[in-house]
Amino acid sequence: MSVAEVSAEEAAAWLQAGEAVMIDVREQDEYAAAHIEGVIQAPLSQMPAAWQALDLPADRKIIVQCLSGGRSHRVCAYVGPSGPDGQPIFNLAGGIKAWHAAGLPVVEG
């Protein structure tokens, strides 16, 4: 299944404009070490229950993020191209590594 991707810069613009929410599928220790401000944590090890427990806004794009894009890609492929209310789902290309490389802010533990 093809997965839509979004660059770190475009994702940051969407988040700043209030057009998107971001789901971090990394594990707790990784999240604690460094994360993007405002993300919703839903660890891959707790899927699909963690995904089903999310209360996602119907009017926003959903961005899924991990360290480098692999795990988030798997989640996107599993969930499909849209969320429960038809929200488009995007994989953050390159994950938090690409976000950091783009000079975007990261909250460090």
C-alpha atoms as a PDB file:
ATOM      1  CA  MET A   1       0.000   0.000   0.000  1.00  0.00           C
ATOM      2  CA  SER A   2       1.346   3.432  -0.854  1.00  0.00           C
ATOM      3  CA  VAL A   3       1.660   5.846   2.032  1.00  0.00           C
ATOM      4  CA  ALA A   4       1.433   9.632   1.686  1.00  0.00           C
ATOM      5  CA  GLU A   5       4.489  11.416   3.044  1.00  0.00           C
ATOM      6  CA  VAL A   6       5.084  14.949   4.263  1.00  0.00           C
ATOM      7  CA  SER A   7       8.393  16.769   4.710  1.00  0.00           C
ATOM      8  CA  ALA A   8       9.445  18.075   8.108  1.00  0.00           C
ATOM      9  CA  GLU A   9       9.111  21.669   6.918  1.00  0.00           C
ATOM     10  CA  GLU A  10       5.595  21.171   5.544  1.00  0.00           C
ATOM     11  CA  ALA A  11       4.527  19.229   8.649  1.00  0.00           C
ATOM     12  CA  ALA A  12       5.814  22.055  10.860  1.00  0.00           C
ATOM     13  CA  ALA A  13       3.802  24.587   8.835  1.00  0.00           C
ATOM     14  CA  TRP A  14       0.638  22.466   9.142  1.00  0.00           C
ATOM     15  CA  LEU A  15       1.110  22.101  12.909  1.00  0.00           C
ATOM     16  CA  GLN A  16       1.787  25.804  13.385  1.00  0.00           C
ATOM     17  CA  ALA A  17      -1.357  26.666  11.370  1.00  0.00           C
ATOM     18  CA  GLY A  18      -3.444  24.233  13.437  1.00  0.00           C
ATOM     19  CA  GLU A  19      -4.153  22.105  10.357  1.00  0.00           C
ATOM     20  CA  ALA A  20      -2.658  18.860  11.684  1.00  0.00           C
ATOM     21  CA  VAL A  21      -1.940  16.694  14.710  1.00  0.00           C
ATOM     22  CA  MET A  22       1.162  14.514  15.048  1.00  0.00           C
ATOM     23  CA  ILE A  23       1.281  10.998  16.486  1.00  0.00           C
ATOM     24  CA  ASP A  24       4.662   9.772  17.823  1.00  0.00           C
ATOM     25  CA  VAL A  25       4.819   5.957  17.587  1.00  0.00           C
ATOM     26  CA  ARG A  26       8.226   5.605  19.271  1.00  0.00           C
ATOM     27  CA  GLU A  27       8.548   3.948  22.656  1.00  0.00           C
ATOM     28  CA  GLN A  28       8.463   5.823  25.982  1.00  0.00           C
ATOM     29  CA  ASP A  29      12.250   5.916  26.488  1.00  0.00           C
ATOM     30  CA  GLU A  30      12.788   7.409  23.021  1.00  0.00           C
ATOM     31  CA  TYR A  31      10.000   9.948  23.582  1.00  0.00           C
ATOM     32  CA  ALA A  32      11.463  10.927  26.963  1.00  0.00           C
ATOM     33  CA  ALA A  33      14.901  11.531  25.409  1.00  0.00           C
ATOM     34  CA  ALA A  34      13.608  13.889  22.698  1.00  0.00           C
ATOM     35  CA  HIS A  35      10.261  14.648  21.115  1.00  0.00           C
ATOM     36  CA  ILE A  36       8.441  17.207  19.010  1.00  0.00           C
ATOM     37  CA  GLU A  37       6.352  19.570  21.138  1.00  0.00           C
ATOM     38  CA  GLY A  38       2.633  18.842  21.143  1.00  0.00           C
ATOM     39  CA  VAL A  39       2.781  15.316  19.720  1.00  0.00           C
ATOM     40  CA  ILE A  40       0.397  12.598  20.888  1.00  0.00           C
ATOM     41  CA  GLN A  41       2.185   9.449  22.001  1.00  0.00           C
ATOM     42  CA  ALA A  42       0.919   6.079  20.744  1.00  0.00           C
ATOM     43  CA  PRO A  43       3.800   3.540  20.951  1.00  0.00           C
ATOM     44  CA  LEU A  44       4.080   0.961  18.181  1.00  0.00           C
ATOM     45  CA  SER A  45       4.398  -1.787  20.826  1.00  0.00           C
ATOM     46  CA  GLN A  46       0.862  -0.933  21.982  1.00  0.00           C
ATOM     47  CA  MET A  47      -0.769  -0.972  18.532  1.00  0.00           C
ATOM     48  CA  PRO A  48      -3.512  -1.325  17.440  1.00  0.00           C
ATOM     49  CA  ALA A  49      -5.047  -0.550  20.871  1.00  0.00           C
ATOM     50  CA  ALA A  50      -3.043   2.690  21.209  1.00  0.00           C
ATOM     51  CA  TRP A  51      -4.328   3.899  17.819  1.00  0.00           C
ATOM     52  CA  GLN A  52      -7.927   2.974  18.599  1.00  0.00           C
ATOM     53  CA  ALA A  53      -7.720   4.876  21.897  1.00  0.00           C
ATOM     54  CA  LEU A  54      -6.765   8.136  20.167  1.00  0.00           C
ATOM     55  CA  ASP A  55      -9.352  10.909  20.026  1.00  0.00           C
ATOM     56  CA  LEU A  56      -8.362  12.508  16.732  1.00  0.00           C
ATOM     57  CA  PRO A  57      -9.922  15.804  15.564  1.00  0.00           C
ATOM     58  CA  ALA A  58     -12.076  15.236  12.484  1.00  0.00           C
ATOM     59  CA  ASP A  59     -10.936  18.463  10.814  1.00  0.00           C
ATOM     60  CA  ARG A  60      -7.152  17.995  10.883  1.00  0.00           C
ATOM     61  CA  LYS A  61      -4.550  16.072   8.917  1.00  0.00           C
ATOM     62  CA  ILE A  62      -2.852  13.271  10.860  1.00  0.00           C
ATOM     63  CA  ILE A  63       0.946  13.024  10.736  1.00  0.00           C
ATOM     64  CA  VAL A  64       2.589   9.839  12.049  1.00  0.00           C
ATOM     65  CA  GLN A  65       6.195  10.124  13.212  1.00  0.00           C
ATOM     66  CA  CYS A  66       9.004   7.925  14.558  1.00  0.00           C
ATOM     67  CA  LEU A  67      12.818   8.143  14.613  1.00  0.00           C
ATOM     68  CA  SER A  68      13.555   7.898  10.886  1.00  0.00           C
ATOM     69  CA  GLY A  69      10.239   7.068   9.191  1.00  0.00           C
ATOM     70  CA  GLY A  70      10.191   3.252   9.167  1.00  0.00           C
ATOM     71  CA  ARG A  71       7.888   2.431  12.059  1.00  0.00           C
ATOM     72  CA  SER A  72       5.567   5.328  11.257  1.00  0.00           C
ATOM     73  CA  HIS A  73       5.387   4.089   7.653  1.00  0.00           C
ATOM     74  CA  ARG A  74       4.272   0.670   8.937  1.00  0.00           C
ATOM     75  CA  VAL A  75       1.568   2.290  11.077  1.00  0.00           C
ATOM     76  CA  CYS A  76       0.362   4.379   8.119  1.00  0.00           C
ATOM     77  CA  ALA A  77       0.239   1.285   5.897  1.00  0.00           C
ATOM     78  CA  TYR A  78      -1.723  -0.601   8.567  1.00  0.00           C
ATOM     79  CA  VAL A  79      -4.203   2.197   9.297  1.00  0.00           C
ATOM     80  CA  GLY A  80      -4.711   3.164   5.657  1.00  0.00           C
ATOM     81  CA  PRO A  81      -4.859   6.516   3.860  1.00  0.00           C
ATOM     82  CA  SER A  82      -7.432   8.114   6.146  1.00  0.00           C
ATOM     83  CA  GLY A  83      -8.437   8.291   9.788  1.00  0.00           C
ATOM     84  CA  PRO A  84     -11.754   7.352  11.429  1.00  0.00           C
ATOM     85  CA  ASP A  85     -13.434  10.554  10.237  1.00  0.00           C
ATOM     86  CA  GLY A  86     -11.778  10.612   6.819  1.00  0.00           C
ATOM     87  CA  GLN A  87      -8.774  12.689   7.895  1.00  0.00           C
ATOM     88  CA  PRO A  88      -5.815  12.272   5.509  1.00  0.00           C
ATOM     89  CA  ILE A  89      -2.883  10.410   7.094  1.00  0.00           C
ATOM     90  CA  PHE A  90       0.744  11.253   6.318  1.00  0.00           C
ATOM     91  CA  ASN A  91       4.073   9.691   7.293  1.00  0.00           C
ATOM     92  CA  LEU A  92       6.701  12.211   8.418  1.00  0.00           C
ATOM     93  CA  ALA A  93       9.470  11.537   5.872  1.00  0.00           C
ATOM     94  CA  GLY A  94      12.726  10.905   7.741  1.00  0.00           C
ATOM     95  CA  GLY A  95      11.044  11.058  11.157  1.00  0.00           C
ATOM     96  CA  ILE A  96      12.338  13.153  14.042  1.00  0.00           C
ATOM     97  CA  LYS A  97      15.843  12.878  12.530  1.00  0.00           C
ATOM     98  CA  ALA A  98      14.679  14.875   9.481  1.00  0.00           C
ATOM     99  CA  TRP A  99      12.775  17.289  11.753  1.00  0.00           C
ATOM    100  CA  HIS A 100      15.945  17.934  13.773  1.00  0.00           C
ATOM    101  CA  ALA A 101      18.104  18.169  10.605  1.00  0.00           C
ATOM    102  CA  ALA A 102      15.721  20.842   9.277  1.00  0.00           C
ATOM    103  CA  GLY A 103      16.511  22.934  12.346  1.00  0.00           C
ATOM    104  CA  LEU A 104      13.027  22.542  13.798  1.00  0.00           C
ATOM    105  CA  PRO A 105      12.630  22.577  17.595  1.00  0.00           C
ATOM    106  CA  VAL A 106      12.817  19.379  19.645  1.00  0.00           C
ATOM    107  CA  VAL A 107      11.998  19.061  23.353  1.00  0.00           C
ATOM    108  CA  GLU A 108      14.923  17.217  24.948  1.00  0.00           C
ATOM    109  CA  GLY A 109      14.470  15.182  28.114  1.00  0.00           C
END
